[in-house]
C-alpha atoms as a PDB file:
ATOM      1  CA  MET A   1       1.359 -94.549-136.098  1.00  0.00           C
ATOM      2  CA  SER A   2       1.887 -97.736-138.061  1.00  0.00           C
ATOM      3  CA  ALA A   3       1.082 -98.143-141.750  1.00  0.00           C
ATOM      4  CA  ALA A   4      -1.681-100.630-140.975  1.00  0.00           C
ATOM      5  CA  ARG A   5      -3.384 -98.212-138.595  1.00  0.00           C
ATOM      6  CA  LYS A   6      -3.117 -95.366-141.124  1.00  0.00           C
ATOM      7  CA  ASN A   7      -4.703 -97.525-143.822  1.00  0.00           C
ATOM      8  CA  LEU A   8      -7.489 -98.571-141.477  1.00  0.00           C
ATOM      9  CA  LEU A   9      -8.204 -94.965-140.496  1.00  0.00           C
ATOM     10  CA  THR A  10      -8.121 -93.444-143.968  1.00  0.00           C
ATOM     11  CA  GLY A  11      -9.972 -96.377-145.526  1.00  0.00           C
ATOM     12  CA  SER A  12     -12.808 -96.208-143.031  1.00  0.00           C
ATOM     13  CA  ALA A  13     -13.061 -92.407-143.365  1.00  0.00           C
ATOM     14  CA  THR A  14     -13.156 -92.649-147.163  1.00  0.00           C
ATOM     15  CA  LEU A  15     -15.757 -95.388-146.976  1.00  0.00           C
ATOM     16  CA  VAL A  16     -17.989 -93.344-144.667  1.00  0.00           C
ATOM     17  CA  VAL A  17     -17.705 -90.159-146.774  1.00  0.00           C
ATOM     18  CA  GLY A  18     -18.504 -92.164-149.902  1.00  0.00           C
ATOM     19  CA  LEU A  19     -21.511 -93.725-148.201  1.00  0.00           C
ATOM     20  CA  LEU A  20     -22.770 -90.298-147.131  1.00  0.00           C
ATOM     21  CA  LEU A  21     -22.366 -88.958-150.675  1.00  0.00           C
ATOM     22  CA  TRP A  22     -24.166 -91.956-152.113  1.00  0.00           C
ATOM     23  CA  LEU A  23     -27.050 -91.671-149.661  1.00  0.00           C
ATOM     24  CA  PHE A  24     -27.599 -87.924-149.394  1.00  0.00           C
ATOM     25  CA  ALA A  25     -26.165 -86.188-152.487  1.00  0.00           C
ATOM     26  CA  GLY A  26     -28.624 -87.486-155.056  1.00  0.00           C
ATOM     27  CA  ASP A  27     -30.409 -84.139-155.461  1.00  0.00           C
ATOM     28  CA  VAL A  28     -27.262 -82.035-155.915  1.00  0.00           C
ATOM     29  CA  GLU A  29     -26.631 -81.099-159.544  1.00  0.00           C
ATOM     30  CA  ILE A  30     -23.036 -80.606-160.718  1.00  0.00           C
ATOM     31  CA  PRO A  31     -22.474 -80.290-164.501  1.00  0.00           C
ATOM     32  CA  VAL A  32     -19.490 -82.634-164.773  1.00  0.00           C
ATOM     33  CA  LEU A  33     -19.866 -85.186-161.971  1.00  0.00           C
ATOM     34  CA  THR A  34     -22.673 -87.161-160.432  1.00  0.00           C
ATOM     35  CA  LEU A  35     -22.046 -87.163-156.699  1.00  0.00           C
ATOM     36  CA  THR A  36     -23.744 -90.505-156.159  1.00  0.00           C
ATOM     37  CA  LYS A  37     -21.297 -92.146-158.598  1.00  0.00           C
ATOM     38  CA  VAL A  38     -18.390 -90.375-156.905  1.00  0.00           C
ATOM     39  CA  GLY A  39     -19.686 -91.800-153.627  1.00  0.00           C
ATOM     40  CA  VAL A  40     -19.682 -95.328-155.035  1.00  0.00           C
ATOM     41  CA  VAL A  41     -16.108 -94.924-156.289  1.00  0.00           C
ATOM     42  CA  MET A  42     -15.038 -93.569-152.902  1.00  0.00           C
ATOM     43  CA  MET A  43     -16.678 -96.515-151.146  1.00  0.00           C
ATOM     44  CA  VAL A  44     -14.807 -98.967-153.375  1.00  0.00           C
ATOM     45  CA  VAL A  45     -11.464 -97.222-152.826  1.00  0.00           C
ATOM     46  CA  GLY A  46     -12.118 -96.939-149.083  1.00  0.00           C
ATOM     47  CA  GLY A  47     -13.071-100.601-148.885  1.00  0.00           C
ATOM     48  CA  LEU A  48      -9.894-101.637-150.683  1.00  0.00           C
ATOM     49  CA  GLU A  49      -7.754 -99.501-148.411  1.00  0.00           C
ATOM     50  CA  LEU A  50      -9.554-100.855-145.370  1.00  0.00           C
ATOM     51  CA  ALA A  51      -8.985-104.418-146.565  1.00  0.00           C
ATOM     52  CA  TYR A  52      -5.283-103.688-147.109  1.00  0.00           C
ATOM     53  CA  GLY A  53      -5.049-102.284-143.587  1.00  0.00           C
ATOM     54  CA  LEU A  54      -6.676-105.431-142.221  1.00  0.00           C
ATOM     55  CA  TYR A  55      -4.217-107.510-144.230  1.00  0.00           C
ATOM     56  CA  LEU A  56      -1.267-105.579-142.790  1.00  0.00           C
ATOM     57  CA  THR A  57      -2.686-105.950-139.300  1.00  0.00           C
ATOM     58  CA  ALA A  58      -3.064-109.713-139.695  1.00  0.00           C
ATOM     59  CA  ARG A  59       0.375-110.078-141.255  1.00  0.00           C
ATOM     60  CA  GLY A  60       2.235-108.497-138.355  1.00  0.00           C
ATOM     61  CA  PRO A  61       4.326-105.463-137.492  1.00  0.00           C
ATOM     62  CA  GLY A  62       7.016-105.877-140.178  1.00  0.00           C
ATOM     63  CA  ALA A  63       4.681-106.396-143.141  1.00  0.00           C
ATOM     64  CA  ALA A  64       4.628-102.796-144.401  1.00  0.00           C
ATOM     65  CA  ARG A  65       8.386-102.539-144.714  1.00  0.00           C
ATOM     66  CA  ARG A  66       8.769-105.423-147.158  1.00  0.00           C
END
């Protein structure tokens, strides 16, 4: 599996999990963390990783090795 495909897969999975946390974990109480804020952070990180995977895909097959 290429680096671009790995970034696309993990970025989209992180984005979806973050979206689910943001939408459905508002009522869960954890003393240290707020799960909705964790969901927003995960969506941002997933979106960045997804964008990097798209960049590597557009750049070509040898882009990840440079």
